[in-house]
N, C-alpha and C. Protein backbone atom coordinates (compact mmCIF):
# COMPACT_ATOMS: atom_id res chain seq x y z
N MET A 1 129.83 98.44 82.34
CA MET A 1 129.75 97.25 82.92
C MET A 1 128.70 96.34 82.39
N MET A 2 128.75 94.92 81.45
CA MET A 2 127.89 93.97 80.80
C MET A 2 127.23 93.04 81.78
N CYS A 3 126.12 92.09 81.39
CA CYS A 3 125.43 91.10 82.19
C CYS A 3 126.05 89.74 81.98
N HIS A 4 126.33 89.02 83.09
CA HIS A 4 126.98 87.74 82.97
C HIS A 4 126.37 86.73 83.94
N GLU A 5 126.86 85.48 83.87
CA GLU A 5 126.42 84.41 84.75
C GLU A 5 126.67 84.80 86.21
N THR A 6 125.72 84.47 87.07
CA THR A 6 125.85 84.84 88.47
C THR A 6 126.00 83.62 89.35
N VAL A 7 126.43 83.84 90.59
CA VAL A 7 126.61 82.78 91.57
C VAL A 7 125.88 83.18 92.83
N PRO A 8 125.60 82.24 93.73
CA PRO A 8 124.87 82.58 94.95
C PRO A 8 125.54 83.70 95.73
N THR A 9 124.72 84.52 96.38
CA THR A 9 125.22 85.69 97.07
C THR A 9 125.00 85.57 98.58
N ARG A 10 126.01 85.94 99.38
CA ARG A 10 125.85 86.01 100.83
C ARG A 10 125.44 87.42 101.21
N ARG A 11 124.76 87.60 102.35
CA ARG A 11 124.30 88.92 102.77
C ARG A 11 125.29 89.60 103.71
N VAL A 12 126.44 88.99 103.89
CA VAL A 12 127.46 89.59 104.75
C VAL A 12 128.71 89.80 103.93
N TRP A 13 129.61 90.62 104.48
CA TRP A 13 130.83 90.93 103.74
C TRP A 13 131.72 89.71 103.56
N GLY A 14 131.69 88.74 104.50
CA GLY A 14 132.49 87.55 104.32
C GLY A 14 133.94 87.78 104.72
N THR A 15 134.80 86.91 104.22
CA THR A 15 136.20 86.94 104.60
C THR A 15 136.94 88.10 103.94
N PRO A 16 138.07 88.52 104.55
CA PRO A 16 138.88 89.56 103.92
C PRO A 16 139.31 89.18 102.50
N ARG A 17 139.52 87.90 102.26
CA ARG A 17 139.93 87.48 100.92
C ARG A 17 138.84 87.80 99.90
N ARG A 18 137.60 87.56 100.28
CA ARG A 18 136.50 87.84 99.36
C ARG A 18 136.34 89.34 99.13
N VAL A 19 136.51 90.13 100.18
CA VAL A 19 136.41 91.58 100.04
C VAL A 19 137.53 92.10 99.15
N THR A 20 138.74 91.57 99.35
CA THR A 20 139.88 91.98 98.52
C THR A 20 139.64 91.60 97.06
N GLN A 21 139.11 90.40 96.85
CA GLN A 21 138.83 89.94 95.49
C GLN A 21 137.78 90.82 94.83
N LEU A 22 136.75 91.18 95.59
CA LEU A 22 135.72 92.07 95.06
C LEU A 22 136.32 93.40 94.64
N GLY A 23 137.11 94.01 95.53
CA GLY A 23 137.72 95.31 95.22
C GLY A 23 138.62 95.24 94.01
N THR A 24 139.44 94.19 93.93
CA THR A 24 140.34 94.01 92.78
C THR A 24 139.54 93.89 91.49
N GLY A 25 138.46 93.11 91.55
CA GLY A 25 137.64 92.93 90.36
C GLY A 25 136.99 94.22 89.89
N LEU A 26 136.48 95.01 90.83
CA LEU A 26 135.82 96.26 90.45
C LEU A 26 136.79 97.28 89.87
N VAL A 27 137.97 97.37 90.48
CA VAL A 27 138.99 98.29 89.96
C VAL A 27 139.42 97.85 88.55
N LEU A 28 139.68 96.55 88.39
CA LEU A 28 140.09 96.04 87.08
C LEU A 28 138.98 96.24 86.05
N TYR A 29 137.74 96.12 86.47
CA TYR A 29 136.63 96.32 85.55
C TYR A 29 136.61 97.76 85.04
N GLY A 30 136.80 98.72 85.94
CA GLY A 30 136.84 100.11 85.51
C GLY A 30 137.98 100.39 84.55
N ILE A 31 139.16 99.82 84.84
CA ILE A 31 140.31 100.00 83.96
C ILE A 31 140.06 99.36 82.60
N SER A 32 139.41 98.20 82.59
CA SER A 32 139.15 97.50 81.32
C SER A 32 138.20 98.32 80.44
N ILE A 33 137.20 98.94 81.05
CA ILE A 33 136.29 99.80 80.28
C ILE A 33 137.06 100.97 79.66
N ALA A 34 137.92 101.59 80.46
CA ALA A 34 138.71 102.72 79.96
C ALA A 34 139.63 102.28 78.83
N SER A 35 140.19 101.07 78.94
CA SER A 35 141.08 100.56 77.90
C SER A 35 140.33 100.39 76.58
N MET A 36 139.12 99.83 76.65
CA MET A 36 138.34 99.64 75.42
C MET A 36 137.93 100.98 74.82
N LEU A 37 137.57 101.93 75.67
CA LEU A 37 137.21 103.26 75.17
C LEU A 37 138.41 103.95 74.52
N SER A 38 139.57 103.83 75.16
CA SER A 38 140.78 104.48 74.64
C SER A 38 141.20 103.89 73.30
N ALA A 39 140.88 102.61 73.08
CA ALA A 39 141.24 101.98 71.81
C ALA A 39 140.49 102.60 70.65
N GLY A 40 139.29 103.12 70.90
CA GLY A 40 138.54 103.84 69.88
C GLY A 40 137.95 102.97 68.79
N LEU A 41 137.72 101.68 69.09
CA LEU A 41 137.21 100.77 68.07
C LEU A 41 135.82 100.23 68.41
N GLY A 42 135.18 100.83 69.40
CA GLY A 42 133.87 100.37 69.81
C GLY A 42 133.91 99.63 71.13
N VAL A 43 132.82 99.68 71.88
CA VAL A 43 132.77 99.09 73.21
C VAL A 43 131.50 98.23 73.33
N ASP A 44 131.30 97.63 74.51
CA ASP A 44 130.13 96.79 74.71
C ASP A 44 128.86 97.63 74.75
N SER A 45 127.71 96.94 74.73
CA SER A 45 126.42 97.62 74.59
C SER A 45 126.18 98.68 75.66
N TRP A 46 126.40 98.33 76.92
CA TRP A 46 126.15 99.29 78.00
C TRP A 46 127.05 100.50 77.91
N ASP A 47 128.29 100.29 77.50
CA ASP A 47 129.21 101.44 77.41
C ASP A 47 128.94 102.28 76.17
N VAL A 48 128.32 101.69 75.15
CA VAL A 48 127.81 102.50 74.04
C VAL A 48 126.78 103.49 74.57
N LEU A 49 125.89 102.98 75.43
CA LEU A 49 124.88 103.86 76.05
C LEU A 49 125.53 104.90 76.95
N HIS A 50 126.47 104.46 77.79
CA HIS A 50 127.13 105.39 78.70
C HIS A 50 127.85 106.51 77.93
N GLN A 51 128.57 106.12 76.88
CA GLN A 51 129.31 107.12 76.11
C GLN A 51 128.36 108.07 75.38
N GLY A 52 127.27 107.52 74.85
CA GLY A 52 126.28 108.37 74.18
C GLY A 52 125.67 109.38 75.14
N LEU A 53 125.32 108.93 76.35
CA LEU A 53 124.76 109.83 77.36
C LEU A 53 125.79 110.88 77.78
N SER A 54 127.04 110.45 77.90
CA SER A 54 128.10 111.39 78.29
C SER A 54 128.27 112.49 77.25
N GLN A 55 128.23 112.10 75.97
CA GLN A 55 128.38 113.08 74.91
C GLN A 55 127.20 114.05 74.86
N ARG A 56 126.02 113.54 75.12
CA ARG A 56 124.82 114.37 75.05
C ARG A 56 124.68 115.31 76.24
N THR A 57 125.10 114.86 77.41
CA THR A 57 124.87 115.63 78.63
C THR A 57 126.08 116.45 79.07
N GLY A 58 127.27 116.06 78.60
CA GLY A 58 128.48 116.73 79.05
C GLY A 58 128.98 116.24 80.40
N VAL A 59 128.30 115.25 80.97
CA VAL A 59 128.73 114.65 82.23
C VAL A 59 129.83 113.63 81.93
N SER A 60 130.82 113.54 82.81
CA SER A 60 131.93 112.63 82.55
C SER A 60 131.44 111.19 82.44
N PHE A 61 132.18 110.40 81.68
CA PHE A 61 131.79 109.00 81.43
C PHE A 61 131.58 108.25 82.74
N GLY A 62 132.51 108.38 83.67
CA GLY A 62 132.42 107.63 84.92
C GLY A 62 131.18 107.96 85.71
N TRP A 63 130.83 109.24 85.79
CA TRP A 63 129.63 109.62 86.54
C TRP A 63 128.37 109.14 85.85
N VAL A 64 128.40 109.06 84.51
CA VAL A 64 127.26 108.48 83.79
C VAL A 64 127.11 107.00 84.14
N VAL A 65 128.24 106.28 84.17
CA VAL A 65 128.21 104.86 84.55
C VAL A 65 127.57 104.69 85.92
N ASN A 66 128.01 105.50 86.88
CA ASN A 66 127.46 105.41 88.23
C ASN A 66 125.98 105.78 88.27
N GLY A 67 125.61 106.83 87.52
CA GLY A 67 124.22 107.25 87.50
C GLY A 67 123.30 106.20 86.91
N VAL A 68 123.72 105.59 85.80
CA VAL A 68 122.93 104.53 85.19
C VAL A 68 122.82 103.34 86.14
N SER A 69 123.90 103.04 86.85
CA SER A 69 123.88 101.93 87.81
C SER A 69 122.82 102.17 88.88
N ILE A 70 122.73 103.39 89.37
CA ILE A 70 121.74 103.71 90.41
C ILE A 70 120.32 103.59 89.85
N ILE A 71 120.10 104.05 88.62
CA ILE A 71 118.79 103.94 87.99
C ILE A 71 118.41 102.47 87.82
N VAL A 72 119.38 101.66 87.38
CA VAL A 72 119.12 100.23 87.21
C VAL A 72 118.79 99.59 88.56
N LEU A 73 119.49 100.00 89.61
CA LEU A 73 119.20 99.47 90.94
C LEU A 73 117.78 99.80 91.38
N LEU A 74 117.29 100.99 91.04
CA LEU A 74 115.91 101.34 91.37
C LEU A 74 114.92 100.42 90.66
N ALA A 75 115.31 99.94 89.47
CA ALA A 75 114.45 99.01 88.74
C ALA A 75 114.39 97.65 89.42
N TRP A 76 115.33 97.38 90.34
CA TRP A 76 115.29 96.13 91.09
C TRP A 76 114.09 96.08 92.03
N ILE A 77 113.59 97.23 92.48
CA ILE A 77 112.56 97.27 93.52
C ILE A 77 111.30 96.52 93.09
N PRO A 78 110.70 96.83 91.93
CA PRO A 78 109.52 96.05 91.54
C PRO A 78 109.84 94.61 91.18
N LEU A 79 111.11 94.33 90.88
CA LEU A 79 111.52 92.96 90.56
C LEU A 79 111.84 92.14 91.80
N ARG A 80 111.81 92.82 92.96
CA ARG A 80 112.07 92.17 94.25
C ARG A 80 113.47 91.55 94.32
N GLN A 81 114.42 92.22 93.71
CA GLN A 81 115.82 91.81 93.80
C GLN A 81 116.46 92.48 95.01
N ARG A 82 117.33 91.76 95.69
CA ARG A 82 118.00 92.31 96.87
C ARG A 82 119.49 92.49 96.58
N PRO A 83 119.98 93.73 96.67
CA PRO A 83 121.41 93.96 96.43
C PRO A 83 122.25 93.48 97.60
N GLY A 84 123.48 93.08 97.29
CA GLY A 84 124.45 92.77 98.32
C GLY A 84 125.44 93.92 98.44
N PRO A 85 126.37 93.84 99.37
CA PRO A 85 127.37 94.92 99.50
C PRO A 85 128.20 95.08 98.24
N GLY A 86 128.44 93.96 97.53
CA GLY A 86 129.17 94.06 96.28
C GLY A 86 128.41 94.80 95.21
N THR A 87 127.08 94.72 95.25
CA THR A 87 126.24 95.44 94.30
C THR A 87 126.40 96.94 94.47
N VAL A 88 126.33 97.38 95.72
CA VAL A 88 126.48 98.81 96.01
C VAL A 88 127.88 99.29 95.65
N ALA A 89 128.90 98.50 96.00
CA ALA A 89 130.27 98.86 95.66
C ALA A 89 130.45 98.96 94.15
N ASN A 90 129.84 98.04 93.43
CA ASN A 90 129.91 98.05 91.96
C ASN A 90 129.38 99.36 91.41
N ALA A 91 128.22 99.78 91.93
CA ALA A 91 127.57 100.99 91.43
C ALA A 91 128.39 102.25 91.72
N LEU A 92 129.22 102.22 92.75
CA LEU A 92 129.97 103.40 93.15
C LEU A 92 131.41 103.44 92.61
N VAL A 93 132.03 102.28 92.50
CA VAL A 93 133.48 102.22 92.25
C VAL A 93 133.82 102.22 90.77
N VAL A 94 133.12 101.42 89.97
CA VAL A 94 133.54 101.18 88.59
C VAL A 94 133.65 102.48 87.79
N GLY A 95 132.64 103.33 87.87
CA GLY A 95 132.65 104.57 87.10
C GLY A 95 133.78 105.50 87.49
N LEU A 96 134.05 105.62 88.79
CA LEU A 96 135.13 106.49 89.26
C LEU A 96 136.48 105.99 88.77
N VAL A 97 136.68 104.67 88.82
CA VAL A 97 137.95 104.10 88.35
C VAL A 97 138.09 104.31 86.84
N ALA A 98 137.01 104.12 86.10
CA ALA A 98 137.05 104.33 84.65
C ALA A 98 137.43 105.77 84.32
N ASP A 99 136.83 106.72 85.01
CA ASP A 99 137.17 108.13 84.79
C ASP A 99 138.65 108.39 85.05
N ALA A 100 139.16 107.86 86.16
CA ALA A 100 140.57 108.08 86.50
C ALA A 100 141.48 107.44 85.47
N ALA A 101 141.14 106.23 85.02
CA ALA A 101 141.98 105.53 84.04
C ALA A 101 141.99 106.24 82.69
N LEU A 102 140.86 106.83 82.32
CA LEU A 102 140.78 107.53 81.04
C LEU A 102 141.72 108.74 80.98
N THR A 103 142.06 109.29 82.14
CA THR A 103 142.95 110.46 82.15
C THR A 103 144.41 110.08 81.95
N VAL A 104 144.76 108.81 82.13
CA VAL A 104 146.17 108.42 82.04
C VAL A 104 146.45 107.44 80.91
N LEU A 105 145.45 106.74 80.42
CA LEU A 105 145.69 105.76 79.36
C LEU A 105 145.96 106.48 78.03
N PRO A 106 146.88 105.96 77.22
CA PRO A 106 147.17 106.58 75.92
C PRO A 106 146.03 106.35 74.94
N ARG A 107 145.97 107.18 73.92
CA ARG A 107 145.01 107.01 72.83
C ARG A 107 145.79 106.63 71.58
N PRO A 108 146.02 105.33 71.36
CA PRO A 108 146.89 104.89 70.26
C PRO A 108 146.30 105.22 68.90
N GLU A 109 147.16 105.56 67.95
CA GLU A 109 146.72 105.86 66.59
C GLU A 109 146.89 104.69 65.64
N PRO A 110 148.08 104.04 65.57
CA PRO A 110 148.20 102.91 64.64
C PRO A 110 147.20 101.82 65.00
N LEU A 111 146.56 101.23 63.98
CA LEU A 111 145.54 100.21 64.19
C LEU A 111 146.03 99.02 65.02
N PRO A 112 147.25 98.50 64.79
CA PRO A 112 147.69 97.36 65.61
C PRO A 112 147.69 97.67 67.11
N TRP A 113 148.09 98.90 67.47
CA TRP A 113 148.10 99.27 68.89
C TRP A 113 146.68 99.43 69.41
N GLN A 114 145.78 99.93 68.58
CA GLN A 114 144.38 100.03 68.98
C GLN A 114 143.79 98.64 69.24
N LEU A 115 144.11 97.70 68.34
CA LEU A 115 143.61 96.34 68.51
C LEU A 115 144.18 95.70 69.77
N LEU A 116 145.46 95.96 70.04
CA LEU A 116 146.09 95.40 71.24
C LEU A 116 145.41 95.93 72.50
N MET A 117 145.13 97.23 72.53
CA MET A 117 144.48 97.81 73.70
C MET A 117 143.05 97.29 73.83
N LEU A 118 142.36 97.12 72.71
CA LEU A 118 141.01 96.59 72.73
C LEU A 118 140.97 95.18 73.29
N VAL A 119 141.84 94.31 72.75
CA VAL A 119 141.87 92.91 73.19
C VAL A 119 142.25 92.82 74.67
N ALA A 120 143.24 93.62 75.07
CA ALA A 120 143.64 93.63 76.48
C ALA A 120 142.47 94.05 77.37
N GLY A 121 141.70 95.04 76.91
CA GLY A 121 140.55 95.50 77.68
C GLY A 121 139.48 94.43 77.81
N ILE A 122 139.21 93.71 76.73
CA ILE A 122 138.18 92.66 76.76
C ILE A 122 138.60 91.52 77.69
N ILE A 123 139.87 91.10 77.59
CA ILE A 123 140.36 90.02 78.46
C ILE A 123 140.30 90.46 79.92
N ALA A 124 140.75 91.68 80.18
CA ALA A 124 140.73 92.19 81.56
C ALA A 124 139.30 92.28 82.07
N ASN A 125 138.36 92.63 81.20
CA ASN A 125 136.96 92.74 81.58
C ASN A 125 136.40 91.37 81.99
N GLY A 126 136.76 90.34 81.22
CA GLY A 126 136.31 89.00 81.56
C GLY A 126 136.89 88.50 82.87
N ILE A 127 138.17 88.79 83.10
CA ILE A 127 138.81 88.40 84.36
C ILE A 127 138.18 89.15 85.53
N ALA A 128 137.95 90.45 85.34
CA ALA A 128 137.33 91.27 86.39
C ALA A 128 135.94 90.76 86.74
N THR A 129 135.20 90.33 85.74
CA THR A 129 133.87 89.78 85.97
C THR A 129 133.95 88.54 86.87
N GLY A 130 134.90 87.66 86.56
CA GLY A 130 135.08 86.47 87.39
C GLY A 130 135.46 86.82 88.81
N LEU A 131 136.28 87.85 88.97
CA LEU A 131 136.72 88.24 90.31
C LEU A 131 135.56 88.78 91.15
N TYR A 132 134.80 89.73 90.61
CA TYR A 132 133.78 90.35 91.46
C TYR A 132 132.56 89.45 91.64
N ILE A 133 132.20 88.67 90.62
CA ILE A 133 131.09 87.75 90.78
C ILE A 133 131.52 86.56 91.65
N GLY A 134 132.74 86.08 91.44
CA GLY A 134 133.23 84.95 92.21
C GLY A 134 133.35 85.24 93.69
N ALA A 135 133.48 86.51 94.07
CA ALA A 135 133.54 86.87 95.48
C ALA A 135 132.23 86.59 96.19
N GLY A 136 131.12 86.51 95.44
CA GLY A 136 129.84 86.15 96.01
C GLY A 136 129.23 87.16 96.94
N LEU A 137 129.54 88.44 96.74
CA LEU A 137 129.03 89.48 97.64
C LEU A 137 127.94 90.33 97.00
N GLY A 138 127.42 89.88 95.88
CA GLY A 138 126.33 90.60 95.23
C GLY A 138 126.61 90.81 93.76
N PRO A 139 125.63 90.59 92.89
CA PRO A 139 125.82 90.82 91.46
C PRO A 139 125.87 92.30 91.14
N GLY A 140 126.39 92.63 89.98
CA GLY A 140 126.35 94.01 89.54
C GLY A 140 124.92 94.44 89.24
N PRO A 141 124.66 95.74 89.21
CA PRO A 141 123.29 96.21 88.95
C PRO A 141 122.68 95.63 87.69
N ARG A 142 123.47 95.53 86.61
CA ARG A 142 122.95 95.05 85.34
C ARG A 142 122.73 93.54 85.37
N ASP A 143 123.59 92.81 86.10
CA ASP A 143 123.39 91.37 86.26
C ASP A 143 122.06 91.10 86.97
N GLY A 144 121.81 91.84 88.04
CA GLY A 144 120.59 91.65 88.80
C GLY A 144 119.34 92.01 88.02
N LEU A 145 119.43 93.02 87.15
CA LEU A 145 118.31 93.38 86.29
C LEU A 145 117.94 92.21 85.39
N MET A 146 118.97 91.57 84.83
CA MET A 146 118.75 90.44 83.93
C MET A 146 118.06 89.28 84.65
N THR A 147 118.62 88.88 85.79
CA THR A 147 118.06 87.73 86.51
C THR A 147 116.68 88.05 87.08
N GLY A 148 116.49 89.29 87.52
CA GLY A 148 115.19 89.68 88.05
C GLY A 148 114.10 89.66 86.99
N LEU A 149 114.39 90.19 85.81
CA LEU A 149 113.41 90.17 84.71
C LEU A 149 113.10 88.75 84.28
N ALA A 150 114.13 87.91 84.24
CA ALA A 150 113.92 86.52 83.84
C ALA A 150 113.00 85.82 84.84
N ALA A 151 113.22 86.07 86.13
CA ALA A 151 112.41 85.43 87.16
C ALA A 151 110.96 85.91 87.11
N ARG A 152 110.77 87.21 86.90
CA ARG A 152 109.42 87.78 86.93
C ARG A 152 108.61 87.45 85.68
N THR A 153 109.29 87.32 84.53
CA THR A 153 108.58 87.08 83.27
C THR A 153 108.50 85.60 82.92
N GLY A 154 109.36 84.79 83.54
CA GLY A 154 109.40 83.37 83.20
C GLY A 154 110.14 83.08 81.91
N ARG A 155 110.78 84.09 81.36
CA ARG A 155 111.56 83.91 80.13
C ARG A 155 112.97 83.44 80.47
N SER A 156 113.65 82.92 79.46
CA SER A 156 114.99 82.40 79.68
C SER A 156 115.98 83.55 79.89
N ILE A 157 117.05 83.24 80.63
CA ILE A 157 118.13 84.22 80.82
C ILE A 157 118.67 84.66 79.47
N ARG A 158 118.85 83.70 78.57
CA ARG A 158 119.40 84.04 77.25
C ARG A 158 118.54 85.05 76.52
N LEU A 159 117.21 84.83 76.51
CA LEU A 159 116.31 85.75 75.81
C LEU A 159 116.31 87.12 76.47
N VAL A 160 116.20 87.15 77.81
CA VAL A 160 116.17 88.42 78.52
C VAL A 160 117.46 89.18 78.31
N ARG A 161 118.59 88.51 78.41
CA ARG A 161 119.87 89.18 78.21
C ARG A 161 119.97 89.76 76.81
N THR A 162 119.55 88.97 75.81
CA THR A 162 119.64 89.43 74.43
C THR A 162 118.79 90.67 74.21
N LEU A 163 117.57 90.66 74.75
CA LEU A 163 116.68 91.82 74.59
C LEU A 163 117.23 93.06 75.28
N ILE A 164 117.79 92.87 76.48
CA ILE A 164 118.38 94.01 77.19
C ILE A 164 119.56 94.57 76.40
N GLU A 165 120.44 93.67 75.95
CA GLU A 165 121.63 94.12 75.23
C GLU A 165 121.26 94.87 73.95
N LEU A 166 120.28 94.34 73.19
CA LEU A 166 119.88 94.99 71.95
C LEU A 166 119.23 96.34 72.22
N SER A 167 118.41 96.40 73.27
CA SER A 167 117.74 97.66 73.60
C SER A 167 118.74 98.73 74.02
N VAL A 168 119.68 98.33 74.88
CA VAL A 168 120.71 99.27 75.35
C VAL A 168 121.60 99.72 74.20
N LEU A 169 121.97 98.78 73.34
CA LEU A 169 122.82 99.11 72.18
C LEU A 169 122.11 100.09 71.26
N ALA A 170 120.83 99.83 70.98
CA ALA A 170 120.08 100.72 70.09
C ALA A 170 119.98 102.12 70.68
N ALA A 171 119.69 102.21 71.98
CA ALA A 171 119.58 103.52 72.63
C ALA A 171 120.92 104.25 72.59
N GLY A 172 121.99 103.53 72.89
CA GLY A 172 123.32 104.15 72.88
C GLY A 172 123.71 104.63 71.49
N TRP A 173 123.41 103.83 70.48
CA TRP A 173 123.74 104.20 69.11
C TRP A 173 122.97 105.46 68.69
N LEU A 174 121.69 105.52 69.05
CA LEU A 174 120.89 106.70 68.71
C LEU A 174 121.42 107.95 69.40
N LEU A 175 122.05 107.77 70.56
CA LEU A 175 122.62 108.91 71.29
C LEU A 175 124.03 109.27 70.79
N GLY A 176 124.56 108.47 69.86
CA GLY A 176 125.87 108.77 69.29
C GLY A 176 127.01 108.01 69.94
N GLY A 177 126.70 106.95 70.67
CA GLY A 177 127.75 106.15 71.30
C GLY A 177 128.56 105.39 70.26
N PRO A 178 129.81 105.00 70.60
CA PRO A 178 130.71 104.37 69.63
C PRO A 178 130.42 102.89 69.41
N VAL A 179 129.88 102.56 68.24
CA VAL A 179 129.66 101.18 67.84
C VAL A 179 130.69 100.82 66.78
N GLY A 180 131.36 99.69 66.95
CA GLY A 180 132.39 99.33 65.98
C GLY A 180 132.85 97.89 66.16
N LEU A 181 134.07 97.64 65.69
CA LEU A 181 134.65 96.30 65.77
C LEU A 181 134.67 95.80 67.21
N GLY A 182 134.99 96.69 68.15
CA GLY A 182 135.08 96.29 69.54
C GLY A 182 133.74 95.80 70.09
N THR A 183 132.64 96.39 69.60
CA THR A 183 131.31 95.98 70.05
C THR A 183 131.05 94.53 69.67
N LEU A 184 131.37 94.18 68.43
CA LEU A 184 131.18 92.81 67.95
C LEU A 184 132.13 91.85 68.64
N LEU A 185 133.42 92.24 68.74
CA LEU A 185 134.41 91.36 69.35
C LEU A 185 134.07 91.08 70.81
N TYR A 186 133.61 92.10 71.51
CA TYR A 186 133.21 91.92 72.91
C TYR A 186 132.03 90.96 73.00
N ALA A 187 131.05 91.13 72.13
CA ALA A 187 129.83 90.31 72.18
C ALA A 187 130.13 88.83 72.01
N VAL A 188 131.08 88.49 71.13
CA VAL A 188 131.34 87.08 70.85
C VAL A 188 132.37 86.45 71.77
N SER A 189 133.12 87.26 72.50
CA SER A 189 134.22 86.70 73.29
C SER A 189 134.05 86.81 74.80
N ILE A 190 133.24 87.77 75.27
CA ILE A 190 133.19 88.00 76.72
C ILE A 190 132.54 86.83 77.46
N GLY A 191 131.56 86.17 76.85
CA GLY A 191 130.90 85.05 77.50
C GLY A 191 131.86 83.93 77.87
N PRO A 192 132.61 83.39 76.89
CA PRO A 192 133.56 82.33 77.21
C PRO A 192 134.64 82.75 78.21
N ILE A 193 135.15 83.98 78.07
CA ILE A 193 136.19 84.45 78.99
C ILE A 193 135.63 84.55 80.40
N ALA A 194 134.46 85.14 80.53
CA ALA A 194 133.85 85.31 81.84
C ALA A 194 133.51 83.97 82.48
N GLN A 195 133.05 83.02 81.68
CA GLN A 195 132.69 81.71 82.22
C GLN A 195 133.90 81.02 82.84
N VAL A 196 135.02 81.03 82.13
CA VAL A 196 136.25 80.44 82.66
C VAL A 196 136.71 81.20 83.90
N SER A 197 136.61 82.52 83.85
CA SER A 197 137.07 83.36 84.95
C SER A 197 136.23 83.14 86.20
N ILE A 198 134.91 83.06 86.05
CA ILE A 198 134.04 82.85 87.19
C ILE A 198 134.34 81.51 87.86
N ALA A 199 134.52 80.47 87.04
CA ALA A 199 134.85 79.16 87.60
C ALA A 199 136.18 79.17 88.32
N ARG A 200 137.12 79.94 87.81
CA ARG A 200 138.45 79.99 88.39
C ARG A 200 138.46 80.75 89.72
N PHE A 201 137.71 81.82 89.82
CA PHE A 201 137.82 82.70 90.99
C PHE A 201 136.69 82.54 92.01
N ALA A 202 135.69 81.69 91.74
CA ALA A 202 134.62 81.50 92.72
C ALA A 202 135.20 80.95 94.02
N GLN A 203 134.93 81.64 95.12
CA GLN A 203 135.43 81.21 96.42
C GLN A 203 134.73 79.92 96.87
N PRO A 204 135.43 79.05 97.65
CA PRO A 204 134.85 77.77 98.04
C PRO A 204 133.49 77.90 98.71
N GLU A 205 133.33 78.90 99.60
CA GLU A 205 132.05 79.06 100.29
C GLU A 205 130.96 79.53 99.36
N VAL A 206 131.36 80.16 98.21
CA VAL A 206 130.38 80.58 97.21
C VAL A 206 129.94 79.39 96.37
N ARG A 207 130.91 78.51 96.05
CA ARG A 207 130.57 77.31 95.26
C ARG A 207 129.61 76.43 96.04
N ALA A 208 129.81 76.37 97.36
CA ALA A 208 128.95 75.55 98.19
C ALA A 208 127.54 76.10 98.21
């Protein structure tokens, strides 16, 4: 799961529509991660780390995602970040869905099919980001880490995000995580896709 633009957060669950949107976004996010992994062409920075840790520890990918999410949430404490219900759901749901999807998704061999699965995963990831952030029920653990560090250090979101992404990517690569075409393609395309998606799916009470 990557860091993206955030929107104001409510401290209550809100309307059933927002809860449904949050759940749909989190499930789609887990499936999108599994799709990119199954393509075998490289994944985003955080999933490079997750995959590297999974290979080193023998723990399933999904449980590593959830474990890292919890560790990142603990880092919110000195940053004085407050999680919302969507934050907790993000930390629990995405990894489990990714694990389940990895058991059923095909592992394509011809390069065109790998590229198709990769692109589909990236697009789905951007849409999922818009859904769960647009619900306004709490940022993901990694999103909150970015905004919290930016607030505490006085540095720009862009700089903080770049440093986090590079650090996570380097750690994941050293652990043997998959770096490849998908890593680069995700880096250059997820921002624009997520920006459009967030604007499209932000609920009226969240925009206000």
